[in-house]
Amino acid sequence: MPVRKVMYTTNAIESVNASFRKVMKKGSFPNEDAVFKIFYLRILEFYKKWDSHHLTNWAIIQNQLLIDERLVL
């Protein structure tokens, strides 16, 4: 079932959260802007890493997830 593959992306989400926690442990930050900057840089690294990944059968997944015609994917 294609939806199952999308549901397993929670592992990727947990990986991102763990990465953010790891960055936060590395030191103290002078202000919130410094934290946002380090998160932004980490997100750019993720974009480079995941740029080549794509979801196959997205149309099938979209139809399976569509439970209401008001829902826009």
PDB file of N, CA and C in Angstrom:
ATOM      1  N   MET A   1       0.850  -1.178   0.000  1.00  0.00           N
ATOM      2  CA  MET A   1       0.000   0.000   0.000  1.00  0.00           C
ATOM      3  C   MET A   1       0.898   1.245   0.000  1.00  0.00           C
ATOM      4  N   PRO A   2       0.740   2.117  -0.974  1.00  0.00           N
ATOM      5  CA  PRO A   2       1.599   3.308  -1.071  1.00  0.00           C
ATOM      6  C   PRO A   2       1.512   4.246   0.123  1.00  0.00           C
ATOM      7  N   VAL A   3       0.360   4.299   0.781  1.00  0.00           N
ATOM      8  CA  VAL A   3       0.220   5.198   1.927  1.00  0.00           C
ATOM      9  C   VAL A   3       1.149   4.773   3.052  1.00  0.00           C
ATOM     10  N   ARG A   4       1.347   3.491   3.205  1.00  0.00           N
ATOM     11  CA  ARG A   4       2.220   2.987   4.267  1.00  0.00           C
ATOM     12  C   ARG A   4       3.625   3.567   4.136  1.00  0.00           C
ATOM     13  N   LYS A   5       4.114   3.686   2.907  1.00  0.00           N
ATOM     14  CA  LYS A   5       5.441   4.239   2.691  1.00  0.00           C
ATOM     15  C   LYS A   5       5.520   5.690   3.155  1.00  0.00           C
ATOM     16  N   VAL A   6       4.467   6.440   2.930  1.00  0.00           N
ATOM     17  CA  VAL A   6       4.435   7.835   3.373  1.00  0.00           C
ATOM     18  C   VAL A   6       4.391   7.896   4.892  1.00  0.00           C
ATOM     19  N   MET A   7       3.658   6.985   5.503  1.00  0.00           N
ATOM     20  CA  MET A   7       3.545   6.986   6.958  1.00  0.00           C
ATOM     21  C   MET A   7       4.894   6.716   7.611  1.00  0.00           C
ATOM     22  N   TYR A   8       5.750   5.974   6.974  1.00  0.00           N
ATOM     23  CA  TYR A   8       7.058   5.685   7.542  1.00  0.00           C
ATOM     24  C   TYR A   8       7.996   6.887   7.488  1.00  0.00           C
ATOM     25  N   THR A   9       7.543   7.974   6.915  1.00  0.00           N
ATOM     26  CA  THR A   9       8.368   9.174   6.907  1.00  0.00           C
ATOM     27  C   THR A   9       8.508   9.769   8.296  1.00  0.00           C
ATOM     28  N   THR A  10       7.748   9.242   9.251  1.00  0.00           N
ATOM     29  CA  THR A  10       7.917   9.723  10.617  1.00  0.00           C
ATOM     30  C   THR A  10       9.326   9.447  11.104  1.00  0.00           C
ATOM     31  N   ASN A  11       9.971   8.413  10.575  1.00  0.00           N
ATOM     32  CA  ASN A  11      11.370   8.169  10.920  1.00  0.00           C
ATOM     33  C   ASN A  11      12.240   9.335  10.468  1.00  0.00           C
ATOM     34  N   ALA A  12      11.945   9.869   9.303  1.00  0.00           N
ATOM     35  CA  ALA A  12      12.703  11.021   8.804  1.00  0.00           C
ATOM     36  C   ALA A  12      12.446  12.242   9.684  1.00  0.00           C
ATOM     37  N   ILE A  13      11.219  12.408  10.127  1.00  0.00           N
ATOM     38  CA  ILE A  13      10.891  13.533  10.999  1.00  0.00           C
ATOM     39  C   ILE A  13      11.642  13.411  12.318  1.00  0.00           C
ATOM     40  N   GLU A  14      11.662  12.208  12.871  1.00  0.00           N
ATOM     41  CA  GLU A  14      12.397  11.988  14.119  1.00  0.00           C
ATOM     42  C   GLU A  14      13.892  12.235  13.925  1.00  0.00           C
ATOM     43  N   SER A  15      14.393  11.906  12.754  1.00  0.00           N
ATOM     44  CA  SER A  15      15.801  12.154  12.449  1.00  0.00           C
ATOM     45  C   SER A  15      16.105  13.647  12.432  1.00  0.00           C
ATOM     46  N   VAL A  16      15.203  14.416  11.858  1.00  0.00           N
ATOM     47  CA  VAL A  16      15.372  15.870  11.831  1.00  0.00           C
ATOM     48  C   VAL A  16      15.354  16.423  13.251  1.00  0.00           C
ATOM     49  N   ASN A  17      14.385  15.975  14.049  1.00  0.00           N
ATOM     50  CA  ASN A  17      14.306  16.446  15.431  1.00  0.00           C
ATOM     51  C   ASN A  17      15.563  16.097  16.212  1.00  0.00           C
ATOM     52  N   ALA A  18      16.073  14.889  16.026  1.00  0.00           N
ATOM     53  CA  ALA A  18      17.303  14.479  16.718  1.00  0.00           C
ATOM     54  C   ALA A  18      18.473  15.356  16.279  1.00  0.00           C
ATOM     55  N   SER A  19      18.506  15.693  14.995  1.00  0.00           N
ATOM     56  CA  SER A  19      19.569  16.547  14.486  1.00  0.00           C
ATOM     57  C   SER A  19      19.500  17.942  15.107  1.00  0.00           C
ATOM     58  N   PHE A  20      18.290  18.469  15.242  1.00  0.00           N
ATOM     59  CA  PHE A  20      18.120  19.782  15.879  1.00  0.00           C
ATOM     60  C   PHE A  20      18.562  19.736  17.338  1.00  0.00           C
ATOM     61  N   ARG A  21      18.193  18.667  18.048  1.00  0.00           N
ATOM     62  CA  ARG A  21      18.608  18.546  19.445  1.00  0.00           C
ATOM     63  C   ARG A  21      20.126  18.465  19.560  1.00  0.00           C
ATOM     64  N   LYS A  22      20.746  17.753  18.625  1.00  0.00           N
ATOM     65  CA  LYS A  22      22.205  17.618  18.633  1.00  0.00           C
ATOM     66  C   LYS A  22      22.872  18.978  18.430  1.00  0.00           C
ATOM     67  N   VAL A  23      22.334  19.786  17.542  1.00  0.00           N
ATOM     68  CA  VAL A  23      22.883  21.119  17.284  1.00  0.00           C
ATOM     69  C   VAL A  23      22.734  22.000  18.526  1.00  0.00           C
ATOM     70  N   MET A  24      21.602  21.875  19.199  1.00  0.00           N
ATOM     71  CA  MET A  24      21.351  22.706  20.379  1.00  0.00           C
ATOM     72  C   MET A  24      22.295  22.348  21.536  1.00  0.00           C
ATOM     73  N   LYS A  25      22.736  21.102  21.613  1.00  0.00           N
ATOM     74  CA  LYS A  25      23.618  20.677  22.699  1.00  0.00           C
ATOM     75  C   LYS A  25      25.043  21.199  22.530  1.00  0.00           C
ATOM     76  N   LYS A  26      25.387  21.643  21.345  1.00  0.00           N
ATOM     77  CA  LYS A  26      26.771  22.019  21.070  1.00  0.00           C
ATOM     78  C   LYS A  26      27.223  23.289  21.776  1.00  0.00           C
ATOM     79  N   GLY A  27      26.309  24.079  22.269  1.00  0.00           N
ATOM     80  CA  GLY A  27      26.744  25.282  22.958  1.00  0.00           C
ATOM     81  C   GLY A  27      25.622  26.230  23.264  1.00  0.00           C
ATOM     82  N   SER A  28      25.995  27.353  23.821  1.00  0.00           N
ATOM     83  CA  SER A  28      24.992  28.368  24.129  1.00  0.00           C
ATOM     84  C   SER A  28      24.929  29.366  22.978  1.00  0.00           C
ATOM     85  N   PHE A  29      23.804  30.003  22.852  1.00  0.00           N
ATOM     86  CA  PHE A  29      23.591  30.946  21.769  1.00  0.00           C
ATOM     87  C   PHE A  29      23.273  32.312  22.364  1.00  0.00           C
ATOM     88  N   PRO A  30      23.814  33.371  21.789  1.00  0.00           N
ATOM     89  CA  PRO A  30      23.625  34.713  22.364  1.00  0.00           C
ATOM     90  C   PRO A  30      22.185  35.216  22.285  1.00  0.00           C
ATOM     91  N   ASN A  31      21.434  34.764  21.266  1.00  0.00           N
ATOM     92  CA  ASN A  31      20.050  35.215  21.115  1.00  0.00           C
ATOM     93  C   ASN A  31      19.269  34.229  20.257  1.00  0.00           C
ATOM     94  N   GLU A  32      17.983  34.485  20.092  1.00  0.00           N
ATOM     95  CA  GLU A  32      17.132  33.591  19.305  1.00  0.00           C
ATOM     96  C   GLU A  32      17.523  33.576  17.837  1.00  0.00           C
ATOM     97  N   ASP A  33      17.979  34.711  17.327  1.00  0.00           N
ATOM     98  CA  ASP A  33      18.375  34.758  15.918  1.00  0.00           C
ATOM     99  C   ASP A  33      19.497  33.771  15.614  1.00  0.00           C
ATOM    100  N   ALA A  34      20.409  33.595  16.555  1.00  0.00           N
ATOM    101  CA  ALA A  34      21.501  32.648  16.363  1.00  0.00           C
ATOM    102  C   ALA A  34      20.965  31.222  16.271  1.00  0.00           C
ATOM    103  N   VAL A  35      19.961  30.909  17.074  1.00  0.00           N
ATOM    104  CA  VAL A  35      19.346  29.574  17.029  1.00  0.00           C
ATOM    105  C   VAL A  35      18.640  29.376  15.699  1.00  0.00           C
ATOM    106  N   PHE A  36      17.864  30.377  15.274  1.00  0.00           N
ATOM    107  CA  PHE A  36      17.173  30.268  13.995  1.00  0.00           C
ATOM    108  C   PHE A  36      18.162  30.111  12.839  1.00  0.00           C
ATOM    109  N   LYS A  37      19.278  30.798  12.913  1.00  0.00           N
ATOM    110  CA  LYS A  37      20.279  30.703  11.854  1.00  0.00           C
ATOM    111  C   LYS A  37      20.864  29.298  11.788  1.00  0.00           C
ATOM    112  N   ILE A  38      21.170  28.706  12.943  1.00  0.00           N
ATOM    113  CA  ILE A  38      21.758  27.364  12.945  1.00  0.00           C
ATOM    114  C   ILE A  38      20.739  26.335  12.453  1.00  0.00           C
ATOM    115  N   PHE A  39      19.450  26.524  12.810  1.00  0.00           N
ATOM    116  CA  PHE A  39      18.400  25.634  12.301  1.00  0.00           C
ATOM    117  C   PHE A  39      18.261  25.788  10.791  1.00  0.00           C
ATOM    118  N   TYR A  40      18.311  27.025  10.321  1.00  0.00           N
ATOM    119  CA  TYR A  40      18.209  27.275   8.887  1.00  0.00           C
ATOM    120  C   TYR A  40      19.342  26.583   8.134  1.00  0.00           C
ATOM    121  N   LEU A  41      20.541  26.698   8.656  1.00  0.00           N
ATOM    122  CA  LEU A  41      21.680  26.052   8.001  1.00  0.00           C
ATOM    123  C   LEU A  41      21.535  24.538   8.011  1.00  0.00           C
ATOM    124  N   ARG A  42      21.009  23.979   9.102  1.00  0.00           N
ATOM    125  CA  ARG A  42      20.796  22.528   9.177  1.00  0.00           C
ATOM    126  C   ARG A  42      19.746  22.097   8.161  1.00  0.00           C
ATOM    127  N   ILE A  43      18.695  22.908   8.013  1.00  0.00           N
ATOM    128  CA  ILE A  43      17.646  22.586   7.040  1.00  0.00           C
ATOM    129  C   ILE A  43      18.203  22.619   5.623  1.00  0.00           C
ATOM    130  N   LEU A  44      19.089  23.556   5.328  1.00  0.00           N
ATOM    131  CA  LEU A  44      19.723  23.582   4.007  1.00  0.00           C
ATOM    132  C   LEU A  44      20.509  22.305   3.747  1.00  0.00           C
ATOM    133  N   GLU A  45      21.174  21.789   4.787  1.00  0.00           N
ATOM    134  CA  GLU A  45      21.892  20.526   4.644  1.00  0.00           C
ATOM    135  C   GLU A  45      20.925  19.390   4.326  1.00  0.00           C
ATOM    136  N   PHE A  46      19.760  19.397   4.981  1.00  0.00           N
ATOM    137  CA  PHE A  46      18.760  18.361   4.696  1.00  0.00           C
ATOM    138  C   PHE A  46      18.255  18.465   3.266  1.00  0.00           C
ATOM    139  N   TYR A  47      18.020  19.681   2.787  1.00  0.00           N
ATOM    140  CA  TYR A  47      17.564  19.852   1.407  1.00  0.00           C
ATOM    141  C   TYR A  47      18.577  19.269   0.431  1.00  0.00           C
ATOM    142  N   LYS A  48      19.845  19.507   0.665  1.00  0.00           N
ATOM    143  CA  LYS A  48      20.878  18.947  -0.218  1.00  0.00           C
ATOM    144  C   LYS A  48      20.867  17.424  -0.165  1.00  0.00           C
ATOM    145  N   LYS A  49      20.673  16.892   1.024  1.00  0.00           N
ATOM    146  CA  LYS A  49      20.691  15.434   1.215  1.00  0.00           C
ATOM    147  C   LYS A  49      19.477  14.781   0.559  1.00  0.00           C
ATOM    148  N   TRP A  50      18.304  15.396   0.689  1.00  0.00           N
ATOM    149  CA  TRP A  50      17.073  14.772   0.233  1.00  0.00           C
ATOM    150  C   TRP A  50      16.606  15.272  -1.120  1.00  0.00           C
ATOM    151  N   ASP A  51      17.380  16.076  -1.791  1.00  0.00           N
ATOM    152  CA  ASP A  51      16.962  16.644  -3.068  1.00  0.00           C
ATOM    153  C   ASP A  51      16.694  15.575  -4.123  1.00  0.00           C
ATOM    154  N   SER A  52      17.441  14.498  -4.077  1.00  0.00           N
ATOM    155  CA  SER A  52      17.286  13.461  -5.097  1.00  0.00           C
ATOM    156  C   SER A  52      16.160  12.480  -4.779  1.00  0.00           C
ATOM    157  N   HIS A  53      15.594  12.542  -3.588  1.00  0.00           N
ATOM    158  CA  HIS A  53      14.517  11.632  -3.201  1.00  0.00           C
ATOM    159  C   HIS A  53      13.184  12.137  -3.730  1.00  0.00           C
ATOM    160  N   HIS A  54      12.346  11.206  -4.121  1.00  0.00           N
ATOM    161  CA  HIS A  54      11.013  11.571  -4.566  1.00  0.00           C
ATOM    162  C   HIS A  54      10.047  10.446  -4.199  1.00  0.00           C
ATOM    163  N   LEU A  55       8.784  10.783  -4.122  1.00  0.00           N
ATOM    164  CA  LEU A  55       7.755   9.802  -3.808  1.00  0.00           C
ATOM    165  C   LEU A  55       7.219   9.201  -5.095  1.00  0.00           C
ATOM    166  N   THR A  56       7.258   7.893  -5.172  1.00  0.00           N
ATOM    167  CA  THR A  56       6.657   7.232  -6.321  1.00  0.00           C
ATOM    168  C   THR A  56       5.176   7.028  -6.034  1.00  0.00           C
ATOM    169  N   ASN A  57       4.394   6.962  -7.062  1.00  0.00           N
ATOM    170  CA  ASN A  57       2.947   6.736  -6.965  1.00  0.00           C
ATOM    171  C   ASN A  57       2.237   7.817  -6.155  1.00  0.00           C
ATOM    172  N   TRP A  58       2.676   9.063  -6.257  1.00  0.00           N
ATOM    173  CA  TRP A  58       2.070  10.123  -5.466  1.00  0.00           C
ATOM    174  C   TRP A  58       0.582  10.279  -5.761  1.00  0.00           C
ATOM    175  N   ALA A  59       0.152  10.089  -7.002  1.00  0.00           N
ATOM    176  CA  ALA A  59      -1.270  10.223  -7.344  1.00  0.00           C
ATOM    177  C   ALA A  59      -2.109   9.198  -6.584  1.00  0.00           C
ATOM    178  N   ILE A  60      -1.609   7.983  -6.479  1.00  0.00           N
ATOM    179  CA  ILE A  60      -2.334   6.940  -5.732  1.00  0.00           C
ATOM    180  C   ILE A  60      -2.399   7.301  -4.255  1.00  0.00           C
ATOM    181  N   ILE A  61      -1.280   7.743  -3.719  1.00  0.00           N
ATOM    182  CA  ILE A  61      -1.235   8.127  -2.303  1.00  0.00           C
ATOM    183  C   ILE A  61      -2.193   9.277  -2.040  1.00  0.00           C
ATOM    184  N   GLN A  62      -2.187  10.261  -2.920  1.00  0.00           N
ATOM    185  CA  GLN A  62      -3.056  11.422  -2.755  1.00  0.00           C
ATOM    186  C   GLN A  62      -4.518  10.992  -2.735  1.00  0.00           C
ATOM    187  N   ASN A  63      -4.898  10.100  -3.625  1.00  0.00           N
ATOM    188  CA  ASN A  63      -6.282   9.628  -3.655  1.00  0.00           C
ATOM    189  C   ASN A  63      -6.640   8.855  -2.395  1.00  0.00           C
ATOM    190  N   GLN A  64      -5.708   8.079  -1.861  1.00  0.00           N
ATOM    191  CA  GLN A  64      -5.976   7.321  -0.643  1.00  0.00           C
ATOM    192  C   GLN A  64      -6.099   8.233   0.566  1.00  0.00           C
ATOM    193  N   LEU A  65      -5.364   9.321   0.580  1.00  0.00           N
ATOM    194  CA  LEU A  65      -5.422  10.243   1.707  1.00  0.00           C
ATOM    195  C   LEU A  65      -6.582  11.224   1.618  1.00  0.00           C
ATOM    196  N   LEU A  66      -7.134  11.381   0.433  1.00  0.00           N
ATOM    197  CA  LEU A  66      -8.200  12.354   0.228  1.00  0.00           C
ATOM    198  C   LEU A  66      -9.494  11.850   0.860  1.00  0.00           C
ATOM    199  N   ILE A  67      -9.868  12.433   1.982  1.00  0.00           N
ATOM    200  CA  ILE A  67     -11.087  12.008   2.675  1.00  0.00           C
ATOM    201  C   ILE A  67     -12.184  13.051   2.570  1.00  0.00           C
ATOM    202  N   ASP A  68     -11.850  14.198   2.066  1.00  0.00           N
ATOM    203  CA  ASP A  68     -12.814  15.289   1.964  1.00  0.00           C
ATOM    204  C   ASP A  68     -12.418  16.125   0.752  1.00  0.00           C
ATOM    205  N   GLU A  69     -13.396  16.487  -0.063  1.00  0.00           N
ATOM    206  CA  GLU A  69     -13.066  17.271  -1.265  1.00  0.00           C
ATOM    207  C   GLU A  69     -12.532  18.652  -0.940  1.00  0.00           C
ATOM    208  N   ARG A  70     -12.696  19.110   0.300  1.00  0.00           N
ATOM    209  CA  ARG A  70     -12.137  20.410   0.710  1.00  0.00           C
ATOM    210  C   ARG A  70     -10.649  20.312   1.000  1.00  0.00           C
ATOM    211  N   LEU A  71     -10.155  19.098   1.205  1.00  0.00           N
ATOM    212  CA  LEU A  71      -8.733  18.902   1.498  1.00  0.00           C
ATOM    213  C   LEU A  71      -7.927  19.092   0.234  1.00  0.00           C
ATOM    214  N   VAL A  72      -6.973  19.980   0.266  1.00  0.00           N
ATOM    215  CA  VAL A  72      -6.145  20.263  -0.899  1.00  0.00           C
ATOM    216  C   VAL A  72      -4.739  19.787  -0.597  1.00  0.00           C
ATOM    217  N   LEU A  73      -4.207  18.926  -1.450  1.00  0.00           N
ATOM    218  CA  LEU A  73      -2.839  18.426  -1.277  1.00  0.00           C
ATOM    219  C   LEU A  73      -1.930  19.036  -2.302  1.00  0.00           C
TER     220      LEU A  73
END
